[in-house]
Amino acid sequence: MEGHQHIALNGFMGVGKTSIGKQLALQMHRPFIDTDEEISSQMIMPITDIFSIHGESFFRELEEKTVITACNQQQRAILSLGGGAFLSEKARAHCFAHTFVVSLHMSFEKWYARMTPFMDSRPLLQQKTLFELRNLYEERQLIYRDCHFQLCVDELTINEAVMEIGRAYEGRGKI
């Protein structure tokens, strides 16, 4: 796994990629890159505004370019990917060529309880019924299965998740 210089955290919005990623970066003494924050900074507007002004397909193109750029940087980093980053075949292939892909997940019930106060700040969640939210959640779980390491964070603290990811990363390639 020589090409896996970075660690990329993947998973549905709100599962803790940013919180866990920042702590992991601190512990591993690596820079932290949140692709959504990179896009927001580049466009000088929040993701919600990018969606409403330019549309989802424009955002997905930016996301793909941002993920590929992050994967291509020389310094080993911890990457937090947007929840839809793996919808792009190119971004996914680039991640597998250059990163150790960790998929974070939690049960729908825990996720829903965590995200309810933030629904209006997430463009894909706005004005969705519980049924629609569950369908979106389950559809996305299919793309998150494609990874090097899967971690359920339902009952884990941030530090416990960081330790599990560190162990998996150190143990990669071993039988």
N, C-alpha and C. Protein backbone atom coordinates (compact mmCIF):
# COMPACT_ATOMS: atom_id res chain seq x y z
N MET A 1 0.82 -1.19 0.00
CA MET A 1 0.00 0.00 0.00
C MET A 1 0.86 1.25 0.00
N GLU A 2 1.91 1.20 -0.74
CA GLU A 2 2.84 2.31 -0.83
C GLU A 2 2.15 3.62 -1.22
N GLY A 3 1.15 3.54 -2.10
CA GLY A 3 0.48 4.75 -2.57
C GLY A 3 -0.48 5.36 -1.57
N HIS A 4 -0.73 4.71 -0.47
CA HIS A 4 -1.69 5.21 0.50
C HIS A 4 -1.02 6.13 1.51
N GLN A 5 -0.65 7.29 1.04
CA GLN A 5 0.04 8.21 1.92
C GLN A 5 -0.92 9.00 2.81
N HIS A 6 -2.11 9.27 2.31
CA HIS A 6 -3.10 10.04 3.06
C HIS A 6 -4.11 9.09 3.70
N ILE A 7 -4.86 9.62 4.64
CA ILE A 7 -6.02 8.90 5.17
C ILE A 7 -7.24 9.74 4.82
N ALA A 8 -8.19 9.14 4.14
CA ALA A 8 -9.41 9.84 3.74
C ALA A 8 -10.59 9.29 4.54
N LEU A 9 -11.29 10.18 5.22
CA LEU A 9 -12.48 9.80 5.98
C LEU A 9 -13.71 10.05 5.12
N ASN A 10 -14.48 9.01 4.95
CA ASN A 10 -15.66 9.04 4.11
C ASN A 10 -16.87 8.68 4.95
N GLY A 11 -18.05 9.06 4.52
CA GLY A 11 -19.26 8.70 5.23
C GLY A 11 -20.33 9.76 5.07
N PHE A 12 -21.50 9.47 5.55
CA PHE A 12 -22.64 10.37 5.40
C PHE A 12 -22.41 11.64 6.22
N MET A 13 -23.02 12.72 5.77
CA MET A 13 -22.89 13.98 6.49
C MET A 13 -23.30 13.80 7.95
N GLY A 14 -22.53 14.41 8.84
CA GLY A 14 -22.88 14.38 10.25
C GLY A 14 -22.39 13.18 11.04
N VAL A 15 -21.61 12.28 10.43
CA VAL A 15 -21.14 11.11 11.19
C VAL A 15 -19.88 11.39 11.99
N GLY A 16 -19.28 12.57 11.79
CA GLY A 16 -18.10 12.91 12.58
C GLY A 16 -16.80 12.96 11.83
N LYS A 17 -16.85 13.02 10.51
CA LYS A 17 -15.60 13.01 9.72
C LYS A 17 -14.69 14.18 10.09
N THR A 18 -15.27 15.36 10.25
CA THR A 18 -14.45 16.54 10.56
C THR A 18 -13.90 16.47 11.98
N SER A 19 -14.74 16.17 12.95
CA SER A 19 -14.28 16.10 14.34
C SER A 19 -13.22 15.03 14.53
N ILE A 20 -13.47 13.86 14.00
CA ILE A 20 -12.52 12.75 14.11
C ILE A 20 -11.26 13.07 13.30
N GLY A 21 -11.45 13.62 12.11
CA GLY A 21 -10.31 13.95 11.24
C GLY A 21 -9.36 14.96 11.86
N LYS A 22 -9.91 15.99 12.49
CA LYS A 22 -9.06 17.00 13.13
C LYS A 22 -8.23 16.39 14.25
N GLN A 23 -8.85 15.54 15.06
CA GLN A 23 -8.14 14.89 16.16
C GLN A 23 -7.10 13.91 15.63
N LEU A 24 -7.45 13.17 14.59
CA LEU A 24 -6.52 12.23 13.97
C LEU A 24 -5.30 12.98 13.41
N ALA A 25 -5.55 14.10 12.77
CA ALA A 25 -4.46 14.92 12.22
C ALA A 25 -3.53 15.42 13.32
N LEU A 26 -4.11 15.84 14.44
CA LEU A 26 -3.29 16.29 15.58
C LEU A 26 -2.42 15.15 16.09
N GLN A 27 -3.01 13.99 16.27
CA GLN A 27 -2.27 12.86 16.83
C GLN A 27 -1.20 12.34 15.88
N MET A 28 -1.46 12.42 14.58
CA MET A 28 -0.50 11.90 13.60
C MET A 28 0.43 13.00 13.08
N HIS A 29 0.26 14.21 13.58
CA HIS A 29 1.09 15.35 13.16
C HIS A 29 1.03 15.55 11.64
N ARG A 30 -0.21 15.60 11.15
CA ARG A 30 -0.44 15.80 9.72
C ARG A 30 -1.39 16.97 9.52
N PRO A 31 -1.34 17.58 8.35
CA PRO A 31 -2.34 18.62 8.07
C PRO A 31 -3.72 17.98 7.89
N PHE A 32 -4.73 18.77 8.17
CA PHE A 32 -6.13 18.32 8.02
C PHE A 32 -6.76 19.11 6.88
N ILE A 33 -7.40 18.39 5.96
CA ILE A 33 -8.08 19.03 4.84
C ILE A 33 -9.53 18.56 4.82
N ASP A 34 -10.44 19.50 4.99
CA ASP A 34 -11.87 19.22 4.86
C ASP A 34 -12.27 19.71 3.47
N THR A 35 -12.65 18.80 2.59
CA THR A 35 -12.91 19.20 1.21
C THR A 35 -14.08 20.17 1.10
N ASP A 36 -15.09 20.04 1.96
CA ASP A 36 -16.20 21.00 1.94
C ASP A 36 -15.71 22.40 2.33
N GLU A 37 -14.85 22.47 3.33
CA GLU A 37 -14.29 23.76 3.74
C GLU A 37 -13.43 24.36 2.63
N GLU A 38 -12.69 23.51 1.93
CA GLU A 38 -11.86 23.98 0.81
C GLU A 38 -12.74 24.59 -0.28
N ILE A 39 -13.83 23.92 -0.60
CA ILE A 39 -14.74 24.42 -1.63
C ILE A 39 -15.38 25.73 -1.19
N SER A 40 -15.84 25.78 0.03
CA SER A 40 -16.46 26.99 0.57
C SER A 40 -15.48 28.16 0.54
N SER A 41 -14.25 27.90 0.91
CA SER A 41 -13.22 28.93 0.90
C SER A 41 -12.91 29.40 -0.52
N GLN A 42 -12.80 28.47 -1.43
CA GLN A 42 -12.52 28.78 -2.83
C GLN A 42 -13.64 29.63 -3.44
N MET A 43 -14.88 29.30 -3.12
CA MET A 43 -16.02 30.01 -3.69
C MET A 43 -16.42 31.24 -2.86
N ILE A 44 -15.82 31.38 -1.68
CA ILE A 44 -16.12 32.47 -0.76
C ILE A 44 -17.62 32.52 -0.43
N MET A 45 -18.17 31.34 -0.18
CA MET A 45 -19.57 31.24 0.24
C MET A 45 -19.82 29.87 0.86
N PRO A 46 -20.82 29.79 1.72
CA PRO A 46 -21.14 28.48 2.32
C PRO A 46 -21.66 27.49 1.27
N ILE A 47 -21.53 26.22 1.60
CA ILE A 47 -21.99 25.14 0.71
C ILE A 47 -23.48 25.33 0.37
N THR A 48 -24.29 25.72 1.36
CA THR A 48 -25.73 25.91 1.10
C THR A 48 -25.95 26.93 -0.01
N ASP A 49 -25.16 28.00 -0.02
CA ASP A 49 -25.29 29.03 -1.06
C ASP A 49 -24.81 28.51 -2.41
N ILE A 50 -23.75 27.72 -2.41
CA ILE A 50 -23.26 27.14 -3.67
C ILE A 50 -24.36 26.30 -4.29
N PHE A 51 -25.01 25.46 -3.47
CA PHE A 51 -26.11 24.62 -3.95
C PHE A 51 -27.25 25.47 -4.50
N SER A 52 -27.67 26.48 -3.72
CA SER A 52 -28.85 27.25 -4.14
C SER A 52 -28.57 28.16 -5.33
N ILE A 53 -27.37 28.70 -5.44
CA ILE A 53 -27.04 29.62 -6.53
C ILE A 53 -26.60 28.88 -7.79
N HIS A 54 -25.72 27.88 -7.62
CA HIS A 54 -25.11 27.21 -8.78
C HIS A 54 -25.66 25.82 -9.05
N GLY A 55 -26.31 25.20 -8.08
CA GLY A 55 -26.87 23.86 -8.27
C GLY A 55 -25.94 22.75 -7.82
N GLU A 56 -26.53 21.57 -7.65
CA GLU A 56 -25.77 20.42 -7.15
C GLU A 56 -24.71 19.94 -8.14
N SER A 57 -25.02 19.93 -9.44
CA SER A 57 -24.03 19.40 -10.39
C SER A 57 -22.77 20.29 -10.43
N PHE A 58 -22.93 21.60 -10.32
CA PHE A 58 -21.78 22.51 -10.25
C PHE A 58 -20.96 22.18 -9.00
N PHE A 59 -21.65 21.99 -7.87
CA PHE A 59 -20.95 21.65 -6.62
C PHE A 59 -20.19 20.34 -6.77
N ARG A 60 -20.82 19.32 -7.37
CA ARG A 60 -20.17 18.01 -7.51
C ARG A 60 -18.92 18.10 -8.37
N GLU A 61 -18.93 18.95 -9.40
CA GLU A 61 -17.72 19.14 -10.22
C GLU A 61 -16.60 19.75 -9.38
N LEU A 62 -16.93 20.77 -8.60
CA LEU A 62 -15.95 21.37 -7.70
C LEU A 62 -15.43 20.35 -6.70
N GLU A 63 -16.34 19.55 -6.17
CA GLU A 63 -15.98 18.55 -5.17
C GLU A 63 -14.99 17.54 -5.77
N GLU A 64 -15.27 17.07 -6.97
CA GLU A 64 -14.39 16.12 -7.62
C GLU A 64 -12.98 16.70 -7.79
N LYS A 65 -12.90 17.92 -8.29
CA LYS A 65 -11.60 18.57 -8.48
C LYS A 65 -10.87 18.76 -7.15
N THR A 66 -11.61 19.14 -6.13
CA THR A 66 -11.01 19.39 -4.81
C THR A 66 -10.47 18.10 -4.20
N VAL A 67 -11.21 17.02 -4.32
CA VAL A 67 -10.76 15.72 -3.80
C VAL A 67 -9.50 15.27 -4.53
N ILE A 68 -9.49 15.38 -5.84
CA ILE A 68 -8.33 14.96 -6.63
C ILE A 68 -7.10 15.79 -6.27
N THR A 69 -7.29 17.10 -6.14
CA THR A 69 -6.19 17.98 -5.74
C THR A 69 -5.64 17.60 -4.37
N ALA A 70 -6.53 17.33 -3.42
CA ALA A 70 -6.11 16.94 -2.07
C ALA A 70 -5.34 15.62 -2.11
N CYS A 71 -5.80 14.68 -2.90
CA CYS A 71 -5.13 13.38 -3.00
C CYS A 71 -3.74 13.50 -3.63
N ASN A 72 -3.57 14.49 -4.50
CA ASN A 72 -2.31 14.64 -5.23
C ASN A 72 -1.24 15.42 -4.47
N GLN A 73 -1.60 16.01 -3.35
CA GLN A 73 -0.57 16.79 -2.64
C GLN A 73 0.48 15.84 -2.06
N GLN A 74 1.69 16.36 -1.93
CA GLN A 74 2.82 15.54 -1.51
C GLN A 74 2.82 15.23 -0.01
N GLN A 75 2.50 16.22 0.81
CA GLN A 75 2.55 16.01 2.25
C GLN A 75 1.39 15.13 2.70
N ARG A 76 1.72 14.10 3.46
CA ARG A 76 0.68 13.20 3.97
C ARG A 76 -0.32 13.98 4.81
N ALA A 77 -1.60 13.76 4.54
CA ALA A 77 -2.64 14.53 5.22
C ALA A 77 -3.80 13.63 5.64
N ILE A 78 -4.65 14.19 6.48
CA ILE A 78 -5.92 13.56 6.83
C ILE A 78 -6.98 14.34 6.05
N LEU A 79 -7.75 13.63 5.23
CA LEU A 79 -8.77 14.26 4.40
C LEU A 79 -10.16 13.91 4.92
N SER A 80 -11.00 14.91 5.07
CA SER A 80 -12.41 14.69 5.38
C SER A 80 -13.17 14.97 4.10
N LEU A 81 -13.76 13.92 3.53
CA LEU A 81 -14.47 14.05 2.26
C LEU A 81 -15.93 14.42 2.51
N GLY A 82 -16.48 15.21 1.60
CA GLY A 82 -17.90 15.52 1.67
C GLY A 82 -18.70 14.24 1.51
N GLY A 83 -19.90 14.23 2.05
CA GLY A 83 -20.74 13.03 2.04
C GLY A 83 -21.04 12.48 0.65
N GLY A 84 -20.96 13.32 -0.38
CA GLY A 84 -21.24 12.87 -1.73
C GLY A 84 -20.01 12.70 -2.61
N ALA A 85 -18.83 12.83 -2.04
CA ALA A 85 -17.59 12.78 -2.83
C ALA A 85 -17.46 11.48 -3.61
N PHE A 86 -17.88 10.37 -3.03
CA PHE A 86 -17.72 9.08 -3.71
C PHE A 86 -18.79 8.83 -4.76
N LEU A 87 -19.68 9.80 -4.98
CA LEU A 87 -20.61 9.70 -6.11
C LEU A 87 -19.83 9.83 -7.42
N SER A 88 -18.66 10.46 -7.36
CA SER A 88 -17.80 10.63 -8.52
C SER A 88 -16.85 9.44 -8.64
N GLU A 89 -16.92 8.76 -9.77
CA GLU A 89 -16.02 7.63 -10.02
C GLU A 89 -14.55 8.09 -10.02
N LYS A 90 -14.30 9.26 -10.61
CA LYS A 90 -12.93 9.79 -10.68
C LYS A 90 -12.39 10.08 -9.28
N ALA A 91 -13.19 10.72 -8.46
CA ALA A 91 -12.75 11.04 -7.10
C ALA A 91 -12.51 9.76 -6.31
N ARG A 92 -13.41 8.81 -6.46
CA ARG A 92 -13.27 7.53 -5.76
C ARG A 92 -11.99 6.82 -6.18
N ALA A 93 -11.75 6.75 -7.49
CA ALA A 93 -10.55 6.07 -7.99
C ALA A 93 -9.29 6.77 -7.49
N HIS A 94 -9.31 8.08 -7.48
CA HIS A 94 -8.15 8.84 -7.00
C HIS A 94 -7.90 8.56 -5.52
N CYS A 95 -8.97 8.50 -4.75
CA CYS A 95 -8.81 8.20 -3.32
C CYS A 95 -8.20 6.83 -3.12
N PHE A 96 -8.67 5.84 -3.87
CA PHE A 96 -8.11 4.50 -3.70
C PHE A 96 -6.67 4.40 -4.19
N ALA A 97 -6.28 5.25 -5.11
CA ALA A 97 -4.89 5.24 -5.59
C ALA A 97 -3.94 5.94 -4.63
N HIS A 98 -4.45 6.89 -3.84
CA HIS A 98 -3.56 7.73 -3.04
C HIS A 98 -3.88 7.79 -1.55
N THR A 99 -4.93 7.15 -1.11
CA THR A 99 -5.29 7.26 0.30
C THR A 99 -5.70 5.91 0.88
N PHE A 100 -5.67 5.87 2.19
CA PHE A 100 -6.24 4.76 2.95
C PHE A 100 -7.66 5.25 3.28
N VAL A 101 -8.67 4.63 2.66
CA VAL A 101 -10.04 5.11 2.77
C VAL A 101 -10.73 4.47 3.98
N VAL A 102 -11.17 5.33 4.90
CA VAL A 102 -11.88 4.90 6.10
C VAL A 102 -13.32 5.38 5.98
N SER A 103 -14.25 4.46 6.10
CA SER A 103 -15.66 4.80 6.05
C SER A 103 -16.22 4.81 7.47
N LEU A 104 -16.69 5.98 7.88
CA LEU A 104 -17.33 6.11 9.19
C LEU A 104 -18.83 5.97 9.00
N HIS A 105 -19.47 5.22 9.89
CA HIS A 105 -20.92 5.10 9.78
C HIS A 105 -21.54 4.99 11.15
N MET A 106 -22.83 5.26 11.18
CA MET A 106 -23.62 5.11 12.41
C MET A 106 -25.01 4.69 12.00
N SER A 107 -25.76 4.20 12.96
CA SER A 107 -27.12 3.77 12.66
C SER A 107 -27.95 4.99 12.25
N PHE A 108 -28.97 4.76 11.46
CA PHE A 108 -29.83 5.86 11.01
C PHE A 108 -30.45 6.57 12.21
N GLU A 109 -30.87 5.82 13.20
CA GLU A 109 -31.52 6.42 14.37
C GLU A 109 -30.59 7.38 15.10
N LYS A 110 -29.36 6.97 15.32
CA LYS A 110 -28.39 7.85 16.00
C LYS A 110 -28.08 9.05 15.12
N TRP A 111 -27.93 8.81 13.82
CA TRP A 111 -27.64 9.90 12.91
C TRP A 111 -28.79 10.92 12.92
N TYR A 112 -30.01 10.44 12.83
CA TYR A 112 -31.18 11.33 12.78
C TYR A 112 -31.28 12.17 14.06
N ALA A 113 -31.05 11.54 15.19
CA ALA A 113 -31.10 12.27 16.46
C ALA A 113 -30.02 13.36 16.50
N ARG A 114 -28.86 13.05 15.97
CA ARG A 114 -27.75 14.01 15.95
C ARG A 114 -28.02 15.16 14.98
N MET A 115 -28.60 14.85 13.82
CA MET A 115 -28.72 15.82 12.74
C MET A 115 -29.99 16.67 12.77
N THR A 116 -31.02 16.27 13.49
CA THR A 116 -32.28 16.99 13.47
C THR A 116 -32.11 18.51 13.66
N PRO A 117 -31.30 18.97 14.62
CA PRO A 117 -31.16 20.42 14.77
C PRO A 117 -30.46 21.13 13.60
N PHE A 118 -29.79 20.37 12.73
CA PHE A 118 -28.99 20.96 11.66
C PHE A 118 -29.57 20.76 10.26
N MET A 119 -30.78 20.25 10.16
CA MET A 119 -31.37 19.91 8.86
C MET A 119 -31.38 21.10 7.89
N ASP A 120 -31.69 22.28 8.38
CA ASP A 120 -31.80 23.44 7.49
C ASP A 120 -30.46 23.91 6.94
N SER A 121 -29.36 23.52 7.59
CA SER A 121 -28.05 23.96 7.11
C SER A 121 -27.43 22.96 6.12
N ARG A 122 -28.13 21.88 5.84
CA ARG A 122 -27.64 20.87 4.91
C ARG A 122 -28.54 20.84 3.68
N PRO A 123 -28.04 21.29 2.52
CA PRO A 123 -28.89 21.41 1.33
C PRO A 123 -29.63 20.14 0.94
N LEU A 124 -28.98 18.99 1.07
CA LEU A 124 -29.64 17.75 0.65
C LEU A 124 -30.69 17.26 1.64
N LEU A 125 -30.72 17.85 2.83
CA LEU A 125 -31.67 17.41 3.85
C LEU A 125 -32.88 18.32 3.97
N GLN A 126 -32.77 19.50 3.42
CA GLN A 126 -33.83 20.49 3.57
C GLN A 126 -35.16 19.99 3.02
N GLN A 127 -36.20 20.16 3.83
CA GLN A 127 -37.58 19.85 3.45
C GLN A 127 -37.79 18.41 2.99
N LYS A 128 -37.06 17.49 3.58
CA LYS A 128 -37.23 16.07 3.28
C LYS A 128 -38.05 15.42 4.38
N THR A 129 -38.88 14.47 3.98
CA THR A 129 -39.62 13.69 4.97
C THR A 129 -38.68 12.68 5.60
N LEU A 130 -39.10 12.10 6.71
CA LEU A 130 -38.30 11.07 7.37
C LEU A 130 -38.04 9.91 6.39
N PHE A 131 -39.05 9.54 5.62
CA PHE A 131 -38.92 8.47 4.63
C PHE A 131 -37.84 8.82 3.60
N GLU A 132 -37.86 10.06 3.09
CA GLU A 132 -36.88 10.50 2.10
C GLU A 132 -35.47 10.54 2.70
N LEU A 133 -35.37 10.99 3.94
CA LEU A 133 -34.07 11.02 4.61
C LEU A 133 -33.49 9.62 4.75
N ARG A 134 -34.35 8.68 5.18
CA ARG A 134 -33.88 7.30 5.34
C ARG A 134 -33.43 6.72 4.00
N ASN A 135 -34.18 6.99 2.94
CA ASN A 135 -33.80 6.50 1.61
C ASN A 135 -32.46 7.07 1.16
N LEU A 136 -32.26 8.38 1.34
CA LEU A 136 -30.99 9.00 0.98
C LEU A 136 -29.85 8.39 1.79
N TYR A 137 -30.08 8.24 3.08
CA TYR A 137 -29.09 7.65 3.98
C TYR A 137 -28.70 6.24 3.50
N GLU A 138 -29.71 5.42 3.22
CA GLU A 138 -29.44 4.04 2.81
C GLU A 138 -28.79 3.95 1.44
N GLU A 139 -29.18 4.82 0.51
CA GLU A 139 -28.54 4.84 -0.81
C GLU A 139 -27.05 5.16 -0.68
N ARG A 140 -26.75 6.13 0.14
CA ARG A 140 -25.36 6.54 0.31
C ARG A 140 -24.52 5.46 1.00
N GLN A 141 -25.15 4.67 1.86
CA GLN A 141 -24.39 3.62 2.55
C GLN A 141 -23.76 2.66 1.55
N LEU A 142 -24.40 2.49 0.41
CA LEU A 142 -23.86 1.59 -0.62
C LEU A 142 -22.52 2.08 -1.15
N ILE A 143 -22.36 3.40 -1.32
CA ILE A 143 -21.07 3.89 -1.83
C ILE A 143 -20.00 3.94 -0.75
N TYR A 144 -20.41 4.00 0.51
CA TYR A 144 -19.43 4.06 1.59
C TYR A 144 -18.85 2.69 1.91
N ARG A 145 -19.48 1.64 1.46
CA ARG A 145 -18.96 0.29 1.73
C ARG A 145 -17.64 0.05 1.03
N ASP A 146 -17.41 0.79 -0.05
CA ASP A 146 -16.19 0.66 -0.83
C ASP A 146 -15.08 1.42 -0.09
N CYS A 147 -14.29 0.70 0.73
CA CYS A 147 -13.28 1.35 1.56
C CYS A 147 -12.23 0.33 1.99
N HIS A 148 -11.18 0.82 2.64
CA HIS A 148 -10.16 -0.07 3.20
C HIS A 148 -10.52 -0.49 4.62
N PHE A 149 -11.23 0.39 5.32
CA PHE A 149 -11.58 0.11 6.72
C PHE A 149 -12.90 0.78 7.04
N GLN A 150 -13.81 0.03 7.65
CA GLN A 150 -15.12 0.55 8.03
C GLN A 150 -15.20 0.62 9.55
N LEU A 151 -15.72 1.74 10.06
CA LEU A 151 -15.80 1.92 11.50
C LEU A 151 -17.16 2.47 11.89
N CYS A 152 -17.87 1.73 12.75
CA CYS A 152 -19.14 2.20 13.29
C CYS A 152 -18.82 3.09 14.49
N VAL A 153 -19.30 4.32 14.45
CA VAL A 153 -18.99 5.28 15.51
C VAL A 153 -20.16 5.50 16.47
N ASP A 154 -21.17 4.65 16.39
CA ASP A 154 -22.36 4.80 17.25
C ASP A 154 -22.01 4.99 18.73
N GLU A 155 -21.12 4.18 19.23
CA GLU A 155 -20.81 4.17 20.66
C GLU A 155 -19.40 4.64 20.98
N LEU A 156 -18.70 5.20 19.99
CA LEU A 156 -17.31 5.59 20.20
C LEU A 156 -17.16 7.08 20.47
N THR A 157 -16.23 7.41 21.34
CA THR A 157 -15.84 8.81 21.50
C THR A 157 -14.93 9.16 20.32
N ILE A 158 -14.65 10.44 20.17
CA ILE A 158 -13.73 10.86 19.10
C ILE A 158 -12.37 10.19 19.29
N ASN A 159 -11.86 10.19 20.52
CA ASN A 159 -10.54 9.59 20.77
C ASN A 159 -10.53 8.09 20.50
N GLU A 160 -11.62 7.40 20.85
CA GLU A 160 -11.68 5.96 20.57
C GLU A 160 -11.68 5.71 19.06
N ALA A 161 -12.42 6.53 18.33
CA ALA A 161 -12.45 6.38 16.87
C ALA A 161 -11.06 6.63 16.28
N VAL A 162 -10.39 7.65 16.77
CA VAL A 162 -9.03 7.97 16.31
C VAL A 162 -8.09 6.79 16.57
N MET A 163 -8.18 6.19 17.74
CA MET A 163 -7.33 5.03 18.06
C MET A 163 -7.62 3.86 17.11
N GLU A 164 -8.89 3.59 16.84
CA GLU A 164 -9.26 2.49 15.93
C GLU A 164 -8.73 2.73 14.52
N ILE A 165 -8.86 3.95 14.04
CA ILE A 165 -8.37 4.28 12.70
C ILE A 165 -6.85 4.16 12.67
N GLY A 166 -6.18 4.66 13.70
CA GLY A 166 -4.72 4.56 13.78
C GLY A 166 -4.26 3.11 13.73
N ARG A 167 -4.94 2.24 14.49
CA ARG A 167 -4.59 0.81 14.49
C ARG A 167 -4.78 0.20 13.10
N ALA A 168 -5.90 0.51 12.48
CA ALA A 168 -6.19 -0.04 11.14
C ALA A 168 -5.15 0.45 10.13
N TYR A 169 -4.80 1.73 10.21
CA TYR A 169 -3.82 2.29 9.28
C TYR A 169 -2.46 1.65 9.47
N GLU A 170 -2.04 1.50 10.71
CA GLU A 170 -0.74 0.88 11.00
C GLU A 170 -0.73 -0.59 10.58
N GLY A 171 -1.87 -1.25 10.69
CA GLY A 171 -1.94 -2.67 10.38
C GLY A 171 -2.25 -2.99 8.92
N ARG A 172 -2.41 -1.97 8.08
CA ARG A 172 -2.77 -2.21 6.68
C ARG A 172 -1.69 -3.05 6.00
N GLY A 173 -2.15 -3.93 5.16
CA GLY A 173 -1.22 -4.76 4.41
C GLY A 173 -0.75 -5.99 5.18
N LYS A 174 -1.06 -6.06 6.48
CA LYS A 174 -0.67 -7.22 7.27
C LYS A 174 -1.79 -8.25 7.23
N ILE A 175 -1.39 -9.50 7.31
CA ILE A 175 -2.40 -10.57 7.29
C ILE A 175 -2.78 -10.95 8.69
